Amino acid sequence: MLSIKDALEALEGRWKLLILFSLSSSPKRFKQLAKDVVGITDKTLSKELKNLEANKLVKRTVHDTFPPTVEYTITPHGLSLEKVIEELHYWGLAHRAEIIEK
């Protein structure tokens, strides 16, 4: 039970898996993520990114430019969720079809 509790705490909420899904294709800047994750506010995105970073699922890199450029990348630990995210994606498609069908 403890392992499932830990996993749920690291991924809780409606946004974290969507952020990880977006980052799984390529590194992104904050505004790119905000566009990808439709409906999330800047404040919530910032909070979720900090949480994902604390859980070592996302890496924040500040580039030495003017003005500074910040880029977010999924970590190898975050990529270990790839199968989970993929299965959720396919389950979501089947679930949507089941609900709309009936």
C-alpha atoms as a PDB file:
ATOM      1  CA  MET A   1       0.000   0.000   0.000  1.00  0.00           C
ATOM      2  CA  LEU A   2       2.800   2.431   0.813  1.00  0.00           C
ATOM      3  CA  SER A   3       4.270   2.217  -2.685  1.00  0.00           C
ATOM      4  CA  ILE A   4       0.919   3.047  -4.296  1.00  0.00           C
ATOM      5  CA  LYS A   5       0.406   5.906  -1.833  1.00  0.00           C
ATOM      6  CA  ASP A   6       3.857   7.302  -2.733  1.00  0.00           C
ATOM      7  CA  ALA A   7       3.095   7.049  -6.459  1.00  0.00           C
ATOM      8  CA  LEU A   8      -0.275   8.749  -6.069  1.00  0.00           C
ATOM      9  CA  GLU A   9       1.233  11.565  -4.006  1.00  0.00           C
ATOM     10  CA  ALA A  10       3.915  12.180  -6.661  1.00  0.00           C
ATOM     11  CA  LEU A  11       1.329  12.238  -9.471  1.00  0.00           C
ATOM     12  CA  GLU A  12      -1.787  13.535  -7.707  1.00  0.00           C
ATOM     13  CA  GLY A  13      -4.003  16.125  -9.338  1.00  0.00           C
ATOM     14  CA  ARG A  14      -5.290  16.586 -12.829  1.00  0.00           C
ATOM     15  CA  TRP A  15      -2.239  18.280 -14.337  1.00  0.00           C
ATOM     16  CA  LYS A  16       0.961  16.382 -13.536  1.00  0.00           C
ATOM     17  CA  LEU A  17       0.485  13.510 -15.974  1.00  0.00           C
ATOM     18  CA  LEU A  18      -0.522  15.967 -18.711  1.00  0.00           C
ATOM     19  CA  ILE A  19       2.636  17.994 -18.091  1.00  0.00           C
ATOM     20  CA  LEU A  20       4.779  14.849 -18.214  1.00  0.00           C
ATOM     21  CA  PHE A  21       2.999  13.721 -21.388  1.00  0.00           C
ATOM     22  CA  SER A  22       3.766  17.082 -23.005  1.00  0.00           C
ATOM     23  CA  LEU A  23       7.419  16.958 -21.957  1.00  0.00           C
ATOM     24  CA  SER A  24       7.843  13.370 -23.144  1.00  0.00           C
ATOM     25  CA  SER A  25       7.977  14.568 -26.756  1.00  0.00           C
ATOM     26  CA  SER A  26      10.589  17.311 -26.216  1.00  0.00           C
ATOM     27  CA  PRO A  27      11.916  19.873 -23.715  1.00  0.00           C
ATOM     28  CA  LYS A  28       9.712  22.947 -23.452  1.00  0.00           C
ATOM     29  CA  ARG A  29       9.690  26.457 -22.098  1.00  0.00           C
ATOM     30  CA  PHE A  30       7.020  27.572 -19.633  1.00  0.00           C
ATOM     31  CA  LYS A  31       4.756  29.237 -22.198  1.00  0.00           C
ATOM     32  CA  GLN A  32       4.984  26.240 -24.536  1.00  0.00           C
ATOM     33  CA  LEU A  33       3.818  24.015 -21.687  1.00  0.00           C
ATOM     34  CA  ALA A  34       1.018  26.433 -20.829  1.00  0.00           C
ATOM     35  CA  LYS A  35      -0.236  26.178 -24.430  1.00  0.00           C
ATOM     36  CA  ASP A  36       0.077  22.380 -24.517  1.00  0.00           C
ATOM     37  CA  VAL A  37      -1.744  21.793 -21.231  1.00  0.00           C
ATOM     38  CA  VAL A  38      -5.031  23.460 -22.109  1.00  0.00           C
ATOM     39  CA  GLY A  39      -6.889  24.976 -19.176  1.00  0.00           C
ATOM     40  CA  ILE A  40      -4.026  25.210 -16.680  1.00  0.00           C
ATOM     41  CA  THR A  41      -3.279  28.617 -15.142  1.00  0.00           C
ATOM     42  CA  ASP A  42       0.269  29.974 -14.992  1.00  0.00           C
ATOM     43  CA  LYS A  43       0.163  29.840 -11.180  1.00  0.00           C
ATOM     44  CA  THR A  44      -0.902  26.190 -11.156  1.00  0.00           C
ATOM     45  CA  LEU A  45       1.618  25.229 -13.845  1.00  0.00           C
ATOM     46  CA  SER A  46       4.393  26.848 -11.820  1.00  0.00           C
ATOM     47  CA  LYS A  47       3.317  24.994  -8.659  1.00  0.00           C
ATOM     48  CA  GLU A  48       3.030  21.652 -10.465  1.00  0.00           C
ATOM     49  CA  LEU A  49       6.439  22.053 -12.142  1.00  0.00           C
ATOM     50  CA  LYS A  50       8.057  22.748  -8.752  1.00  0.00           C
ATOM     51  CA  ASN A  51       6.406  19.626  -7.333  1.00  0.00           C
ATOM     52  CA  LEU A  52       7.477  17.497 -10.307  1.00  0.00           C
ATOM     53  CA  GLU A  53      10.997  18.859  -9.935  1.00  0.00           C
ATOM     54  CA  ALA A  54      11.013  18.007  -6.205  1.00  0.00           C
ATOM     55  CA  ASN A  55       9.994  14.449  -7.120  1.00  0.00           C
ATOM     56  CA  LYS A  56      12.827  14.289  -9.706  1.00  0.00           C
ATOM     57  CA  LEU A  57      10.412  13.775 -12.595  1.00  0.00           C
ATOM     58  CA  VAL A  58      11.263  17.086 -14.311  1.00  0.00           C
ATOM     59  CA  LYS A  59      14.503  19.043 -14.605  1.00  0.00           C
ATOM     60  CA  ARG A  60      14.547  22.835 -14.790  1.00  0.00           C
ATOM     61  CA  THR A  61      17.461  24.340 -16.723  1.00  0.00           C
ATOM     62  CA  VAL A  62      18.242  28.053 -16.779  1.00  0.00           C
ATOM     63  CA  HIS A  63      20.246  29.028 -19.864  1.00  0.00           C
ATOM     64  CA  ASP A  64      22.730  31.884 -19.700  1.00  0.00           C
ATOM     65  CA  THR A  65      20.988  34.222 -22.132  1.00  0.00           C
ATOM     66  CA  PHE A  66      19.489  37.677 -21.860  1.00  0.00           C
ATOM     67  CA  PRO A  67      16.811  37.533 -20.709  1.00  0.00           C
ATOM     68  CA  PRO A  68      17.407  34.149 -19.023  1.00  0.00           C
ATOM     69  CA  THR A  69      15.741  31.228 -20.800  1.00  0.00           C
ATOM     70  CA  VAL A  70      14.223  28.485 -18.654  1.00  0.00           C
ATOM     71  CA  GLU A  71      13.562  25.064 -20.136  1.00  0.00           C
ATOM     72  CA  TYR A  72      11.864  22.030 -18.613  1.00  0.00           C
ATOM     73  CA  THR A  73      12.864  18.471 -19.491  1.00  0.00           C
ATOM     74  CA  ILE A  74      11.475  15.145 -18.373  1.00  0.00           C
ATOM     75  CA  THR A  75      14.110  13.201 -16.424  1.00  0.00           C
ATOM     76  CA  PRO A  76      14.990   9.530 -16.904  1.00  0.00           C
ATOM     77  CA  HIS A  77      12.981   8.891 -13.717  1.00  0.00           C
ATOM     78  CA  GLY A  78      10.026  10.717 -15.298  1.00  0.00           C
ATOM     79  CA  LEU A  79      10.440   8.696 -18.493  1.00  0.00           C
ATOM     80  CA  SER A  80      10.032   5.546 -16.427  1.00  0.00           C
ATOM     81  CA  LEU A  81       6.318   6.489 -16.310  1.00  0.00           C
ATOM     82  CA  GLU A  82       6.065   6.197 -20.102  1.00  0.00           C
ATOM     83  CA  LYS A  83       4.231   2.844 -20.028  1.00  0.00           C
ATOM     84  CA  VAL A  84       1.853   4.064 -17.315  1.00  0.00           C
ATOM     85  CA  ILE A  85       1.018   7.216 -19.290  1.00  0.00           C
ATOM     86  CA  GLU A  86       0.630   5.227 -22.517  1.00  0.00           C
ATOM     87  CA  GLU A  87      -1.740   2.748 -20.850  1.00  0.00           C
ATOM     88  CA  LEU A  88      -3.774   5.621 -19.359  1.00  0.00           C
ATOM     89  CA  HIS A  89      -3.938   7.175 -22.826  1.00  0.00           C
ATOM     90  CA  TYR A  90      -5.323   3.995 -24.388  1.00  0.00           C
ATOM     91  CA  TRP A  91      -7.678   3.358 -21.488  1.00  0.00           C
ATOM     92  CA  GLY A  92      -8.938   6.940 -21.802  1.00  0.00           C
ATOM     93  CA  LEU A  93      -9.661   6.440 -25.501  1.00  0.00           C
ATOM     94  CA  ALA A  94     -11.581   3.212 -24.778  1.00  0.00           C
ATOM     95  CA  HIS A  95     -13.398   4.817 -21.852  1.00  0.00           C
ATOM     96  CA  ARG A  96     -14.409   7.808 -23.963  1.00  0.00           C
ATOM     97  CA  ALA A  97     -15.754   5.486 -26.662  1.00  0.00           C
ATOM     98  CA  GLU A  98     -17.651   3.431 -24.058  1.00  0.00           C
ATOM     99  CA  ILE A  99     -19.246   6.492 -22.441  1.00  0.00           C
ATOM    100  CA  ILE A 100     -20.145   8.245 -25.720  1.00  0.00           C
ATOM    101  CA  GLU A 101     -21.468   4.990 -27.160  1.00  0.00           C
ATOM    102  CA  LYS A 102     -23.974   4.492 -24.339  1.00  0.00           C
END
